[in-house]
Amino acid sequence: MMMLNRLTTDPLLRLFIGIIAGTLVGGGVGEVVGNHIMADPLVGASVGAFVGAAIAGVILAVEE
C-alpha cells in the first residue's frame, strides 16, 4: 500500500512511468497503424508518437 501511495504522489516516478508507458503504447499503436492499416511506416510513426505523448501527458496530469 505504501508503494502505491508513493507511485501516485512522487512526480519523478510518475514522469518515468509516463515515459515508459507512452513509449510502449505509442510503439505498439504505431506498428499496427504503420504496417497493417495504412501500410506506410511514416504514418505509423506519426500516429505512434502522438498516442505515446498523449498517454504520457495523461499519466502526468492525473492528480489525486
Protein backbone atom coordinates (compact mmCIF):
# COMPACT_ATOMS: atom_id res chain seq x y z
CA MET A 1 0.00 0.00 0.00
CA MET A 2 2.84 2.37 0.77
CA MET A 3 4.34 1.79 -2.68
CA LEU A 4 1.01 2.64 -4.30
CA ASN A 5 0.90 5.89 -2.32
CA ARG A 6 4.43 6.76 -3.44
CA LEU A 7 3.54 5.86 -7.02
CA THR A 8 0.68 8.34 -7.08
CA THR A 9 2.48 11.19 -5.30
CA ASP A 10 6.12 11.14 -6.46
CA PRO A 11 6.35 13.36 -9.58
CA LEU A 12 9.63 11.89 -10.85
CA LEU A 13 8.29 8.36 -10.57
CA ARG A 14 5.13 9.38 -12.43
CA LEU A 15 7.29 11.02 -15.11
CA PHE A 16 9.30 7.82 -15.54
CA ILE A 17 6.18 5.66 -15.70
CA GLY A 18 4.59 8.10 -18.16
CA ILE A 19 7.59 7.93 -20.47
CA ILE A 20 7.76 4.13 -20.33
CA ALA A 21 4.01 3.64 -20.82
CA GLY A 22 3.88 6.24 -23.60
CA THR A 23 6.78 4.60 -25.41
CA LEU A 24 5.30 1.10 -25.19
CA VAL A 25 1.77 2.07 -26.15
CA GLY A 26 2.86 4.52 -28.84
CA GLY A 27 5.22 1.95 -30.36
CA GLY A 28 2.50 -0.68 -30.42
CA VAL A 29 -0.08 1.62 -31.96
CA GLY A 30 2.43 2.95 -34.48
CA GLU A 31 3.39 -0.56 -35.53
CA VAL A 32 -0.23 -1.60 -36.06
CA VAL A 33 -1.17 1.56 -37.94
CA GLY A 34 2.02 1.74 -39.99
CA ASN A 35 2.30 -1.88 -41.02
CA HIS A 36 -1.23 -3.25 -41.02
CA ILE A 37 -3.75 -0.45 -41.53
CA MET A 38 -2.08 2.26 -43.64
CA ALA A 39 0.93 0.29 -44.98
CA ASP A 40 3.05 3.41 -44.52
CA PRO A 41 5.72 3.43 -41.78
CA LEU A 42 5.85 7.24 -41.70
CA VAL A 43 2.15 7.46 -40.87
CA GLY A 44 2.63 4.77 -38.23
CA ALA A 45 5.50 6.68 -36.64
CA SER A 46 3.48 9.89 -36.56
CA VAL A 47 0.42 8.24 -35.03
CA GLY A 48 2.57 6.31 -32.56
CA ALA A 49 4.36 9.46 -31.41
CA PHE A 50 1.07 11.29 -30.95
CA VAL A 51 -0.51 8.44 -28.97
CA GLY A 52 2.60 7.97 -26.85
CA ALA A 53 2.75 11.66 -25.96
CA ALA A 54 -0.95 11.65 -25.11
CA ILE A 55 -0.56 8.65 -22.78
CA ALA A 56 2.44 10.21 -21.05
CA GLY A 57 0.60 13.52 -20.68
CA VAL A 58 -2.44 11.85 -19.16
CA ILE A 59 -0.31 9.96 -16.64
CA LEU A 60 1.48 13.18 -15.66
CA ALA A 61 -1.71 15.23 -15.46
CA VAL A 62 -3.65 12.86 -13.22
CA GLU A 63 -3.97 14.29 -9.73
CA GLU A 64 -5.13 12.57 -6.61
